[in-house]
Amino acid sequence: AREVLNVLTVQRTDLLTYGVLLAAFFASNGIEALRTSLNRAYRVSETRGIIYRRVQSIAFVLIATAGFLAISVLLVFAPLLARLAEANFEWVKPYMGTITLWRYIIASVVIVG
């Protein structure tokens, strides 16, 4: 029982770092599988090196993660922040419609790409 309590109460930030790195690596495996499938479908032989392909796949994962984070902020947290600003700052109230419009425009651009 003491070890269970120890596991549940002690924070291990080093494991979180390894988990994030492993998640990015395994997500890049999905991109590599898609790349291999498309190469086979179009009967194309791969000429790029494996390190270049892996770095490119991890970059795609990071770009997608940034996009999802931006969408989350714009569509979920921005309304909360806007309401908080509207409640605390009187000068923000006339601009709430414009803020909402730009929030949706930017989120749409991020989604479409």
PDB file of N, CA and C in Angstrom:
ATOM      1  N   ALA A   1       0.829  -1.188   0.000  1.00  0.00           N
ATOM      2  CA  ALA A   1       0.000   0.000   0.000  1.00  0.00           C
ATOM      3  C   ALA A   1       0.876   1.255   0.000  1.00  0.00           C
ATOM      4  N   ARG A   2       2.028   1.185   0.645  1.00  0.00           N
ATOM      5  CA  ARG A   2       2.901   2.347   0.705  1.00  0.00           C
ATOM      6  C   ARG A   2       3.471   2.673  -0.672  1.00  0.00           C
ATOM      7  N   GLU A   3       3.824   1.656  -1.451  1.00  0.00           N
ATOM      8  CA  GLU A   3       4.356   1.879  -2.796  1.00  0.00           C
ATOM      9  C   GLU A   3       3.293   2.452  -3.726  1.00  0.00           C
ATOM     10  N   VAL A   4       2.063   1.996  -3.587  1.00  0.00           N
ATOM     11  CA  VAL A   4       0.973   2.542  -4.406  1.00  0.00           C
ATOM     12  C   VAL A   4       0.793   4.015  -4.096  1.00  0.00           C
ATOM     13  N   LEU A   5       0.798   4.368  -2.836  1.00  0.00           N
ATOM     14  CA  LEU A   5       0.686   5.768  -2.437  1.00  0.00           C
ATOM     15  C   LEU A   5       1.868   6.573  -2.960  1.00  0.00           C
ATOM     16  N   ASN A   6       3.050   5.999  -2.937  1.00  0.00           N
ATOM     17  CA  ASN A   6       4.249   6.662  -3.447  1.00  0.00           C
ATOM     18  C   ASN A   6       4.136   6.905  -4.949  1.00  0.00           C
ATOM     19  N   VAL A   7       3.649   5.912  -5.689  1.00  0.00           N
ATOM     20  CA  VAL A   7       3.503   6.054  -7.142  1.00  0.00           C
ATOM     21  C   VAL A   7       2.455   7.111  -7.476  1.00  0.00           C
ATOM     22  N   LEU A   8       1.383   7.150  -6.709  1.00  0.00           N
ATOM     23  CA  LEU A   8       0.298   8.083  -7.006  1.00  0.00           C
ATOM     24  C   LEU A   8       0.582   9.514  -6.571  1.00  0.00           C
ATOM     25  N   THR A   9       1.453   9.720  -5.605  1.00  0.00           N
ATOM     26  CA  THR A   9       1.657  11.075  -5.082  1.00  0.00           C
ATOM     27  C   THR A   9       2.937  11.751  -5.556  1.00  0.00           C
ATOM     28  N   VAL A  10       3.964  11.004  -5.922  1.00  0.00           N
ATOM     29  CA  VAL A  10       5.235  11.598  -6.340  1.00  0.00           C
ATOM     30  C   VAL A  10       5.152  11.964  -7.816  1.00  0.00           C
ATOM     31  N   GLN A  11       5.440  13.237  -8.128  1.00  0.00           N
ATOM     32  CA  GLN A  11       5.396  13.690  -9.515  1.00  0.00           C
ATOM     33  C   GLN A  11       6.705  13.369 -10.209  1.00  0.00           C
ATOM     34  N   ARG A  12       6.590  12.816 -11.429  1.00  0.00           N
ATOM     35  CA  ARG A  12       7.763  12.456 -12.224  1.00  0.00           C
ATOM     36  C   ARG A  12       7.701  13.208 -13.543  1.00  0.00           C
ATOM     37  N   THR A  13       8.325  14.363 -13.630  1.00  0.00           N
ATOM     38  CA  THR A  13       8.296  15.145 -14.867  1.00  0.00           C
ATOM     39  C   THR A  13       9.198  14.551 -15.936  1.00  0.00           C
ATOM     40  N   ASP A  14      10.207  13.768 -15.541  1.00  0.00           N
ATOM     41  CA  ASP A  14      11.080  13.161 -16.543  1.00  0.00           C
ATOM     42  C   ASP A  14      10.323  12.148 -17.390  1.00  0.00           C
ATOM     43  N   LEU A  15       9.374  11.437 -16.815  1.00  0.00           N
ATOM     44  CA  LEU A  15       8.576  10.487 -17.585  1.00  0.00           C
ATOM     45  C   LEU A  15       7.678  11.207 -18.583  1.00  0.00           C
ATOM     46  N   LEU A  16       7.199  12.376 -18.225  1.00  0.00           N
ATOM     47  CA  LEU A  16       6.378  13.149 -19.151  1.00  0.00           C
ATOM     48  C   LEU A  16       7.187  13.545 -20.378  1.00  0.00           C
ATOM     49  N   THR A  17       8.422  13.942 -20.181  1.00  0.00           N
ATOM     50  CA  THR A  17       9.286  14.310 -21.302  1.00  0.00           C
ATOM     51  C   THR A  17       9.509  13.125 -22.226  1.00  0.00           C
ATOM     52  N   TYR A  18       9.814  11.968 -21.651  1.00  0.00           N
ATOM     53  CA  TYR A  18      10.001  10.774 -22.478  1.00  0.00           C
ATOM     54  C   TYR A  18       8.710  10.399 -23.194  1.00  0.00           C
ATOM     55  N   GLY A  19       7.598  10.552 -22.509  1.00  0.00           N
ATOM     56  CA  GLY A  19       6.309  10.226 -23.118  1.00  0.00           C
ATOM     57  C   GLY A  19       5.998  11.111 -24.309  1.00  0.00           C
ATOM     58  N   VAL A  20       6.293  12.399 -24.193  1.00  0.00           N
ATOM     59  CA  VAL A  20       6.050  13.324 -25.306  1.00  0.00           C
ATOM     60  C   VAL A  20       6.953  12.983 -26.486  1.00  0.00           C
ATOM     61  N   LEU A  21       8.209  12.699 -26.217  1.00  0.00           N
ATOM     62  CA  LEU A  21       9.138  12.344 -27.299  1.00  0.00           C
ATOM     63  C   LEU A  21       8.730  11.042 -27.976  1.00  0.00           C
ATOM     64  N   LEU A  22       8.332  10.056 -27.190  1.00  0.00           N
ATOM     65  CA  LEU A  22       7.888   8.790 -27.776  1.00  0.00           C
ATOM     66  C   LEU A  22       6.595   8.964 -28.565  1.00  0.00           C
ATOM     67  N   ALA A  23       5.682   9.787 -28.066  1.00  0.00           N
ATOM     68  CA  ALA A  23       4.438  10.030 -28.797  1.00  0.00           C
ATOM     69  C   ALA A  23       4.717  10.688 -30.139  1.00  0.00           C
ATOM     70  N   ALA A  24       5.632  11.650 -30.171  1.00  0.00           N
ATOM     71  CA  ALA A  24       5.989  12.298 -31.441  1.00  0.00           C
ATOM     72  C   ALA A  24       6.635  11.303 -32.393  1.00  0.00           C
ATOM     73  N   PHE A  25       7.496  10.439 -31.874  1.00  0.00           N
ATOM     74  CA  PHE A  25       8.150   9.439 -32.721  1.00  0.00           C
ATOM     75  C   PHE A  25       7.126   8.462 -33.296  1.00  0.00           C
ATOM     76  N   PHE A  26       6.221   7.964 -32.458  1.00  0.00           N
ATOM     77  CA  PHE A  26       5.247   6.987 -32.946  1.00  0.00           C
ATOM     78  C   PHE A  26       4.203   7.632 -33.854  1.00  0.00           C
ATOM     79  N   ALA A  27       3.887   8.895 -33.640  1.00  0.00           N
ATOM     80  CA  ALA A  27       2.997   9.592 -34.575  1.00  0.00           C
ATOM     81  C   ALA A  27       3.680   9.766 -35.922  1.00  0.00           C
ATOM     82  N   SER A  28       4.985   9.982 -35.900  1.00  0.00           N
ATOM     83  CA  SER A  28       5.707  10.100 -37.170  1.00  0.00           C
ATOM     84  C   SER A  28       5.746   8.761 -37.906  1.00  0.00           C
ATOM     85  N   ASN A  29       5.618   7.651 -37.183  1.00  0.00           N
ATOM     86  CA  ASN A  29       5.504   6.347 -37.840  1.00  0.00           C
ATOM     87  C   ASN A  29       4.259   6.292 -38.718  1.00  0.00           C
ATOM     88  N   GLY A  30       3.180   6.906 -38.278  1.00  0.00           N
ATOM     89  CA  GLY A  30       1.972   6.953 -39.095  1.00  0.00           C
ATOM     90  C   GLY A  30       2.194   7.724 -40.382  1.00  0.00           C
ATOM     91  N   ILE A  31       2.931   8.809 -40.297  1.00  0.00           N
ATOM     92  CA  ILE A  31       3.228   9.587 -41.503  1.00  0.00           C
ATOM     93  C   ILE A  31       4.134   8.792 -42.430  1.00  0.00           C
ATOM     94  N   GLU A  32       5.086   8.069 -41.858  1.00  0.00           N
ATOM     95  CA  GLU A  32       5.957   7.220 -42.679  1.00  0.00           C
ATOM     96  C   GLU A  32       5.158   6.116 -43.362  1.00  0.00           C
ATOM     97  N   ALA A  33       4.183   5.538 -42.662  1.00  0.00           N
ATOM     98  CA  ALA A  33       3.338   4.505 -43.270  1.00  0.00           C
ATOM     99  C   ALA A  33       2.520   5.088 -44.417  1.00  0.00           C
ATOM    100  N   LEU A  34       2.003   6.298 -44.230  1.00  0.00           N
ATOM    101  CA  LEU A  34       1.259   6.963 -45.300  1.00  0.00           C
ATOM    102  C   LEU A  34       2.170   7.245 -46.487  1.00  0.00           C
ATOM    103  N   ARG A  35       3.373   7.684 -46.227  1.00  0.00           N
ATOM    104  CA  ARG A  35       4.333   7.961 -47.300  1.00  0.00           C
ATOM    105  C   ARG A  35       4.659   6.682 -48.076  1.00  0.00           C
ATOM    106  N   THR A  36       4.879   5.589 -47.355  1.00  0.00           N
ATOM    107  CA  THR A  36       5.178   4.306 -48.001  1.00  0.00           C
ATOM    108  C   THR A  36       3.999   3.829 -48.836  1.00  0.00           C
ATOM    109  N   SER A  37       2.792   3.969 -48.300  1.00  0.00           N
ATOM    110  CA  SER A  37       1.595   3.548 -49.038  1.00  0.00           C
ATOM    111  C   SER A  37       1.411   4.361 -50.311  1.00  0.00           C
ATOM    112  N   LEU A  38       1.607   5.658 -50.221  1.00  0.00           N
ATOM    113  CA  LEU A  38       1.468   6.497 -51.414  1.00  0.00           C
ATOM    114  C   LEU A  38       2.554   6.186 -52.439  1.00  0.00           C
ATOM    115  N   ASN A  39       3.766   5.923 -51.979  1.00  0.00           N
ATOM    116  CA  ASN A  39       4.837   5.550 -52.908  1.00  0.00           C
ATOM    117  C   ASN A  39       4.515   4.246 -53.625  1.00  0.00           C
ATOM    118  N   ARG A  40       3.956   3.284 -52.901  1.00  0.00           N
ATOM    119  CA  ARG A  40       3.576   2.015 -53.535  1.00  0.00           C
ATOM    120  C   ARG A  40       2.410   2.206 -54.492  1.00  0.00           C
ATOM    121  N   ALA A  41       1.437   3.016 -54.093  1.00  0.00           N
ATOM    122  CA  ALA A  41       0.265   3.227 -54.942  1.00  0.00           C
ATOM    123  C   ALA A  41       0.644   3.897 -56.257  1.00  0.00           C
ATOM    124  N   TYR A  42       1.576   4.822 -56.209  1.00  0.00           N
ATOM    125  CA  TYR A  42       1.997   5.536 -57.416  1.00  0.00           C
ATOM    126  C   TYR A  42       3.250   4.929 -58.055  1.00  0.00           C
ATOM    127  N   ARG A  43       3.692   3.795 -57.506  1.00  0.00           N
ATOM    128  CA  ARG A  43       4.864   3.077 -58.031  1.00  0.00           C
ATOM    129  C   ARG A  43       6.091   3.997 -58.146  1.00  0.00           C
ATOM    130  N   VAL A  44       6.373   4.675 -57.044  1.00  0.00           N
ATOM    131  CA  VAL A  44       7.509   5.598 -56.982  1.00  0.00           C
ATOM    132  C   VAL A  44       8.517   5.026 -55.995  1.00  0.00           C
ATOM    133  N   SER A  45       9.778   5.067 -56.359  1.00  0.00           N
ATOM    134  CA  SER A  45      10.810   4.632 -55.414  1.00  0.00           C
ATOM    135  C   SER A  45      11.308   5.848 -54.631  1.00  0.00           C
ATOM    136  N   GLU A  46      11.533   5.634 -53.352  1.00  0.00           N
ATOM    137  CA  GLU A  46      11.951   6.719 -52.455  1.00  0.00           C
ATOM    138  C   GLU A  46      13.434   7.014 -52.656  1.00  0.00           C
ATOM    139  N   THR A  47      13.752   8.286 -52.874  1.00  0.00           N
ATOM    140  CA  THR A  47      15.146   8.682 -53.093  1.00  0.00           C
ATOM    141  C   THR A  47      15.731   9.438 -51.903  1.00  0.00           C
ATOM    142  N   ARG A  48      14.888   9.868 -50.977  1.00  0.00           N
ATOM    143  CA  ARG A  48      15.378  10.620 -49.820  1.00  0.00           C
ATOM    144  C   ARG A  48      15.913   9.668 -48.759  1.00  0.00           C
ATOM    145  N   GLY A  49      16.846  10.154 -47.980  1.00  0.00           N
ATOM    146  CA  GLY A  49      17.441   9.348 -46.919  1.00  0.00           C
ATOM    147  C   GLY A  49      16.478   9.140 -45.762  1.00  0.00           C
ATOM    148  N   ILE A  50      16.738   8.102 -44.968  1.00  0.00           N
ATOM    149  CA  ILE A  50      15.832   7.761 -43.878  1.00  0.00           C
ATOM    150  C   ILE A  50      15.835   8.839 -42.787  1.00  0.00           C
ATOM    151  N   ILE A  51      16.979   9.453 -42.526  1.00  0.00           N
ATOM    152  CA  ILE A  51      17.037  10.497 -41.495  1.00  0.00           C
ATOM    153  C   ILE A  51      16.255  11.722 -41.949  1.00  0.00           C
ATOM    154  N   TYR A  52      16.403  12.100 -43.201  1.00  0.00           N
ATOM    155  CA  TYR A  52      15.659  13.244 -43.732  1.00  0.00           C
ATOM    156  C   TYR A  52      14.155  12.979 -43.662  1.00  0.00           C
ATOM    157  N   ARG A  53      13.738  11.763 -44.033  1.00  0.00           N
ATOM    158  CA  ARG A  53      12.312  11.424 -43.997  1.00  0.00           C
ATOM    159  C   ARG A  53      11.782  11.453 -42.573  1.00  0.00           C
ATOM    160  N   ARG A  54      12.561  10.942 -41.621  1.00  0.00           N
ATOM    161  CA  ARG A  54      12.103  10.914 -40.231  1.00  0.00           C
ATOM    162  C   ARG A  54      11.992  12.328 -39.673  1.00  0.00           C
ATOM    163  N   VAL A  55      12.968  13.171 -39.956  1.00  0.00           N
ATOM    164  CA  VAL A  55      12.916  14.567 -39.494  1.00  0.00           C
ATOM    165  C   VAL A  55      11.720  15.276 -40.122  1.00  0.00           C
ATOM    166  N   GLN A  56      11.479  15.022 -41.391  1.00  0.00           N
ATOM    167  CA  GLN A  56      10.336  15.626 -42.068  1.00  0.00           C
ATOM    168  C   GLN A  56       9.021  15.141 -41.449  1.00  0.00           C
ATOM    169  N   SER A  57       8.924  13.866 -41.121  1.00  0.00           N
ATOM    170  CA  SER A  57       7.715  13.324 -40.500  1.00  0.00           C
ATOM    171  C   SER A  57       7.480  13.931 -39.121  1.00  0.00           C
ATOM    172  N   ILE A  58       8.540  14.070 -38.340  1.00  0.00           N
ATOM    173  CA  ILE A  58       8.398  14.685 -37.015  1.00  0.00           C
ATOM    174  C   ILE A  58       8.005  16.153 -37.159  1.00  0.00           C
ATOM    175  N   ALA A  59       8.529  16.832 -38.174  1.00  0.00           N
ATOM    176  CA  ALA A  59       8.131  18.227 -38.421  1.00  0.00           C
ATOM    177  C   ALA A  59       6.650  18.305 -38.767  1.00  0.00           C
ATOM    178  N   PHE A  60       6.151  17.356 -39.571  1.00  0.00           N
ATOM    179  CA  PHE A  60       4.720  17.335 -39.883  1.00  0.00           C
ATOM    180  C   PHE A  60       3.885  17.128 -38.619  1.00  0.00           C
ATOM    181  N   VAL A  61       4.349  16.262 -37.737  1.00  0.00           N
ATOM    182  CA  VAL A  61       3.641  16.022 -36.476  1.00  0.00           C
ATOM    183  C   VAL A  61       3.619  17.294 -35.638  1.00  0.00           C
ATOM    184  N   LEU A  62       4.745  17.997 -35.557  1.00  0.00           N
ATOM    185  CA  LEU A  62       4.801  19.233 -34.765  1.00  0.00           C
ATOM    186  C   LEU A  62       3.923  20.327 -35.361  1.00  0.00           C
ATOM    187  N   ILE A  63       3.887  20.419 -36.690  1.00  0.00           N
ATOM    188  CA  ILE A  63       3.031  21.412 -37.347  1.00  0.00           C
ATOM    189  C   ILE A  63       1.563  21.101 -37.080  1.00  0.00           C
ATOM    190  N   ALA A  64       1.192  19.829 -37.179  1.00  0.00           N
ATOM    191  CA  ALA A  64      -0.194  19.442 -36.903  1.00  0.00           C
ATOM    192  C   ALA A  64      -0.554  19.703 -35.444  1.00  0.00           C
ATOM    193  N   THR A  65       0.374  19.436 -34.546  1.00  0.00           N
ATOM    194  CA  THR A  65       0.137  19.699 -33.126  1.00  0.00           C
ATOM    195  C   THR A  65      -0.068  21.191 -32.873  1.00  0.00           C
ATOM    196  N   ALA A  66       0.743  22.022 -33.501  1.00  0.00           N
ATOM    197  CA  ALA A  66       0.578  23.472 -33.354  1.00  0.00           C
ATOM    198  C   ALA A  66      -0.765  23.926 -33.918  1.00  0.00           C
ATOM    199  N   GLY A  67      -1.183  23.330 -35.023  1.00  0.00           N
ATOM    200  CA  GLY A  67      -2.485  23.671 -35.600  1.00  0.00           C
ATOM    201  C   GLY A  67      -3.631  23.301 -34.679  1.00  0.00           C
ATOM    202  N   PHE A  68      -3.583  22.095 -34.113  1.00  0.00           N
ATOM    203  CA  PHE A  68      -4.631  21.681 -33.179  1.00  0.00           C
ATOM    204  C   PHE A  68      -4.629  22.544 -31.924  1.00  0.00           C
ATOM    205  N   LEU A  69      -3.461  22.928 -31.473  1.00  0.00           N
ATOM    206  CA  LEU A  69      -3.367  23.805 -30.308  1.00  0.00           C
ATOM    207  C   LEU A  69      -3.963  25.178 -30.611  1.00  0.00           C
ATOM    208  N   ALA A  70      -3.675  25.706 -31.801  1.00  0.00           N
ATOM    209  CA  ALA A  70      -4.228  27.008 -32.193  1.00  0.00           C
ATOM    210  C   ALA A  70      -5.748  26.946 -32.287  1.00  0.00           C
ATOM    211  N   ILE A  71      -6.271  25.877 -32.870  1.00  0.00           N
ATOM    212  CA  ILE A  71      -7.721  25.729 -32.973  1.00  0.00           C
ATOM    213  C   ILE A  71      -8.341  25.629 -31.585  1.00  0.00           C
ATOM    214  N   SER A  72      -7.708  24.874 -30.704  1.00  0.00           N
ATOM    215  CA  SER A  72      -8.223  24.742 -29.341  1.00  0.00           C
ATOM    216  C   SER A  72      -8.263  26.085 -28.632  1.00  0.00           C
ATOM    217  N   VAL A  73      -7.201  26.850 -28.771  1.00  0.00           N
ATOM    218  CA  VAL A  73      -7.155  28.158 -28.112  1.00  0.00           C
ATOM    219  C   VAL A  73      -8.210  29.086 -28.694  1.00  0.00           C
ATOM    220  N   LEU A  74      -8.313  29.116 -30.027  1.00  0.00           N
ATOM    221  CA  LEU A  74      -9.232  30.058 -30.662  1.00  0.00           C
ATOM    222  C   LEU A  74     -10.698  29.704 -30.439  1.00  0.00           C
ATOM    223  N   LEU A  75     -11.022  28.432 -30.410  1.00  0.00           N
ATOM    224  CA  LEU A  75     -12.427  28.043 -30.319  1.00  0.00           C
ATOM    225  C   LEU A  75     -12.880  27.698 -28.907  1.00  0.00           C
ATOM    226  N   VAL A  76     -11.955  27.389 -28.006  1.00  0.00           N
ATOM    227  CA  VAL A  76     -12.356  26.990 -26.660  1.00  0.00           C
ATOM    228  C   VAL A  76     -11.978  28.041 -25.623  1.00  0.00           C
ATOM    229  N   PHE A  77     -10.713  28.433 -25.584  1.00  0.00           N
ATOM    230  CA  PHE A  77     -10.257  29.333 -24.529  1.00  0.00           C
ATOM    231  C   PHE A  77     -10.483  30.808 -24.840  1.00  0.00           C
ATOM    232  N   ALA A  78     -10.481  31.179 -26.099  1.00  0.00           N
ATOM    233  CA  ALA A  78     -10.671  32.592 -26.451  1.00  0.00           C
ATOM    234  C   ALA A  78     -12.027  33.134 -26.005  1.00  0.00           C
ATOM    235  N   PRO A  79     -13.128  32.379 -26.136  1.00  0.00           N
ATOM    236  CA  PRO A  79     -14.394  32.924 -25.624  1.00  0.00           C
ATOM    237  C   PRO A  79     -14.362  33.174 -24.117  1.00  0.00           C
ATOM    238  N   LEU A  80     -13.684  32.304 -23.390  1.00  0.00           N
ATOM    239  CA  LEU A  80     -13.574  32.513 -21.945  1.00  0.00           C
ATOM    240  C   LEU A  80     -12.771  33.769 -21.638  1.00  0.00           C
ATOM    241  N   LEU A  81     -11.669  33.941 -22.341  1.00  0.00           N
ATOM    242  CA  LEU A  81     -10.851  35.142 -22.140  1.00  0.00           C
ATOM    243  C   LEU A  81     -11.587  36.402 -22.588  1.00  0.00           C
ATOM    244  N   ALA A  82     -12.359  36.295 -23.673  1.00  0.00           N
ATOM    245  CA  ALA A  82     -13.110  37.456 -24.156  1.00  0.00           C
ATOM    246  C   ALA A  82     -14.178  37.865 -23.146  1.00  0.00           C
ATOM    247  N   ARG A  83     -14.878  36.879 -22.574  1.00  0.00           N
ATOM    248  CA  ARG A  83     -15.886  37.202 -21.561  1.00  0.00           C
ATOM    249  C   ARG A  83     -15.248  37.813 -20.320  1.00  0.00           C
ATOM    250  N   LEU A  84     -14.092  37.301 -19.959  1.00  0.00           N
ATOM    251  CA  LEU A  84     -13.375  37.853 -18.810  1.00  0.00           C
ATOM    252  C   LEU A  84     -12.938  39.288 -19.086  1.00  0.00           C
ATOM    253  N   ALA A  85     -12.425  39.536 -20.279  1.00  0.00           N
ATOM    254  CA  ALA A  85     -12.017  40.897 -20.650  1.00  0.00           C
ATOM    255  C   ALA A  85     -13.221  41.823 -20.723  1.00  0.00           C
ATOM    256  N   GLU A  86     -14.331  41.316 -21.245  1.00  0.00           N
ATOM    257  CA  GLU A  86     -15.539  42.139 -21.352  1.00  0.00           C
ATOM    258  C   GLU A  86     -16.068  42.522 -19.972  1.00  0.00           C
ATOM    259  N   ALA A  87     -15.960  41.604 -19.026  1.00  0.00           N
ATOM    260  CA  ALA A  87     -16.443  41.881 -17.673  1.00  0.00           C
ATOM    261  C   ALA A  87     -15.537  42.862 -16.930  1.00  0.00           C
ATOM    262  N   ASN A  88     -14.242  42.849 -17.239  1.00  0.00           N
ATOM    263  CA  ASN A  88     -13.303  43.673 -16.477  1.00  0.00           C
ATOM    264  C   ASN A  88     -12.912  44.982 -17.154  1.00  0.00           C
ATOM    265  N   PHE A  89     -13.050  45.055 -18.467  1.00  0.00           N
ATOM    266  CA  PHE A  89     -12.648  46.255 -19.203  1.00  0.00           C
ATOM    267  C   PHE A  89     -13.824  46.755 -20.031  1.00  0.00           C
ATOM    268  N   GLU A  90     -14.270  47.932 -19.718  1.00  0.00           N
ATOM    269  CA  GLU A  90     -15.444  48.503 -20.389  1.00  0.00           C
ATOM    270  C   GLU A  90     -15.180  48.784 -21.867  1.00  0.00           C
ATOM    271  N   TRP A  91     -13.967  49.157 -22.224  1.00  0.00           N
ATOM    272  CA  TRP A  91     -13.660  49.544 -23.600  1.00  0.00           C
ATOM    273  C   TRP A  91     -13.647  48.362 -24.560  1.00  0.00           C
ATOM    274  N   VAL A  92     -13.664  47.118 -24.044  1.00  0.00           N
ATOM    275  CA  VAL A  92     -13.630  45.929 -24.904  1.00  0.00           C
ATOM    276  C   VAL A  92     -15.010  45.618 -25.482  1.00  0.00           C
ATOM    277  N   LYS A  93     -16.075  46.018 -24.803  1.00  0.00           N
ATOM    278  CA  LYS A  93     -17.438  45.636 -25.204  1.00  0.00           C
ATOM    279  C   LYS A  93     -17.782  45.986 -26.650  1.00  0.00           C
ATOM    280  N   PRO A  94     -17.430  47.163 -27.161  1.00  0.00           N
ATOM    281  CA  PRO A  94     -17.784  47.450 -28.560  1.00  0.00           C
ATOM    282  C   PRO A  94     -17.046  46.571 -29.571  1.00  0.00           C
ATOM    283  N   TYR A  95     -15.940  45.969 -29.167  1.00  0.00           N
ATOM    284  CA  TYR A  95     -15.125  45.179 -30.094  1.00  0.00           C
ATOM    285  C   TYR A  95     -15.394  43.675 -30.019  1.00  0.00           C
ATOM    286  N   MET A  96     -16.355  43.249 -29.218  1.00  0.00           N
ATOM    287  CA  MET A  96     -16.593  41.814 -29.039  1.00  0.00           C
ATOM    288  C   MET A  96     -17.007  41.131 -30.340  1.00  0.00           C
ATOM    289  N   GLY A  97     -17.824  41.786 -31.143  1.00  0.00           N
ATOM    290  CA  GLY A  97     -18.217  41.206 -32.431  1.00  0.00           C
ATOM    291  C   GLY A  97     -17.028  41.025 -33.356  1.00  0.00           C
ATOM    292  N   THR A  98     -16.162  42.018 -33.395  1.00  0.00           N
ATOM    293  CA  THR A  98     -14.961  41.940 -34.232  1.00  0.00           C
ATOM    294  C   THR A  98     -14.013  40.856 -33.731  1.00  0.00           C
ATOM    295  N   ILE A  99     -13.867  40.752 -32.425  1.00  0.00           N
ATOM    296  CA  ILE A  99     -13.008  39.712 -31.848  1.00  0.00           C
ATOM    297  C   ILE A  99     -13.531  38.327 -32.213  1.00  0.00           C
ATOM    298  N   THR A 100     -14.836  38.132 -32.090  1.00  0.00           N
ATOM    299  CA  THR A 100     -15.435  36.840 -32.433  1.00  0.00           C
ATOM    300  C   THR A 100     -15.266  36.536 -33.913  1.00  0.00           C
ATOM    301  N   LEU A 101     -15.487  37.526 -34.762  1.00  0.00           N
ATOM    302  CA  LEU A 101     -15.333  37.323 -36.203  1.00  0.00           C
ATOM    303  C   LEU A 101     -13.908  36.904 -36.546  1.00  0.00           C
ATOM    304  N   TRP A 102     -12.926  37.628 -36.027  1.00  0.00           N
ATOM    305  CA  TRP A 102     -11.532  37.302 -36.333  1.00  0.00           C
ATOM    306  C   TRP A 102     -11.113  35.963 -35.743  1.00  0.00           C
ATOM    307  N   ARG A 103     -11.688  35.615 -34.617  1.00  0.00           N
ATOM    308  CA  ARG A 103     -11.386  34.318 -34.010  1.00  0.00           C
ATOM    309  C   ARG A 103     -11.811  33.187 -34.942  1.00  0.00           C
ATOM    310  N   TYR A 104     -13.014  33.297 -35.507  1.00  0.00           N
ATOM    311  CA  TYR A 104     -13.500  32.266 -36.429  1.00  0.00           C
ATOM    312  C   TYR A 104     -12.765  32.294 -37.765  1.00  0.00           C
ATOM    313  N   ILE A 105     -12.407  33.467 -38.231  1.00  0.00           N
ATOM    314  CA  ILE A 105     -11.657  33.552 -39.497  1.00  0.00           C
ATOM    315  C   ILE A 105     -10.293  32.880 -39.347  1.00  0.00           C
ATOM    316  N   ILE A 106      -9.590  33.199 -38.275  1.00  0.00           N
ATOM    317  CA  ILE A 106      -8.260  32.612 -38.071  1.00  0.00           C
ATOM    318  C   ILE A 106      -8.360  31.104 -37.866  1.00  0.00           C
ATOM    319  N   ALA A 107      -9.355  30.650 -37.098  1.00  0.00           N
ATOM    320  CA  ALA A 107      -9.527  29.206 -36.897  1.00  0.00           C
ATOM    321  C   ALA A 107      -9.842  28.506 -38.214  1.00  0.00           C
ATOM    322  N   SER A 108     -10.653  29.130 -39.068  1.00  0.00           N
ATOM    323  CA  SER A 108     -10.967  28.536 -40.371  1.00  0.00           C
ATOM    324  C   SER A 108      -9.733  28.449 -41.254  1.00  0.00           C
ATOM    325  N   VAL A 109      -8.918  29.483 -41.235  1.00  0.00           N
ATOM    326  CA  VAL A 109      -7.684  29.465 -42.031  1.00  0.00           C
ATOM    327  C   VAL A 109      -6.743  28.367 -41.533  1.00  0.00           C
ATOM    328  N   VAL A 110      -6.661  28.188 -40.215  1.00  0.00           N
ATOM    329  CA  VAL A 110      -5.805  27.136 -39.664  1.00  0.00           C
ATOM    330  C   VAL A 110      -6.329  25.756 -40.052  1.00  0.00           C
ATOM    331  N   ILE A 111      -7.650  25.572 -40.021  1.00  0.00           N
ATOM    332  CA  ILE A 111      -8.234  24.275 -40.372  1.00  0.00           C
ATOM    333  C   ILE A 111      -8.031  23.966 -41.845  1.00  0.00           C
ATOM    334  N   VAL A 112      -8.307  24.934 -42.716  1.00  0.00           N
ATOM    335  CA  VAL A 112      -8.204  24.707 -44.156  1.00  0.00           C
ATOM    336  C   VAL A 112      -6.745  24.594 -44.572  1.00  0.00           C
ATOM    337  N   GLY A 113      -5.895  25.335 -43.930  1.00  0.00           N
ATOM    338  CA  GLY A 113      -4.476  25.170 -44.170  1.00  0.00           C
ATOM    339  C   GLY A 113      -3.871  26.264 -44.938  1.00  0.00           C
TER     340      GLY A 113
END
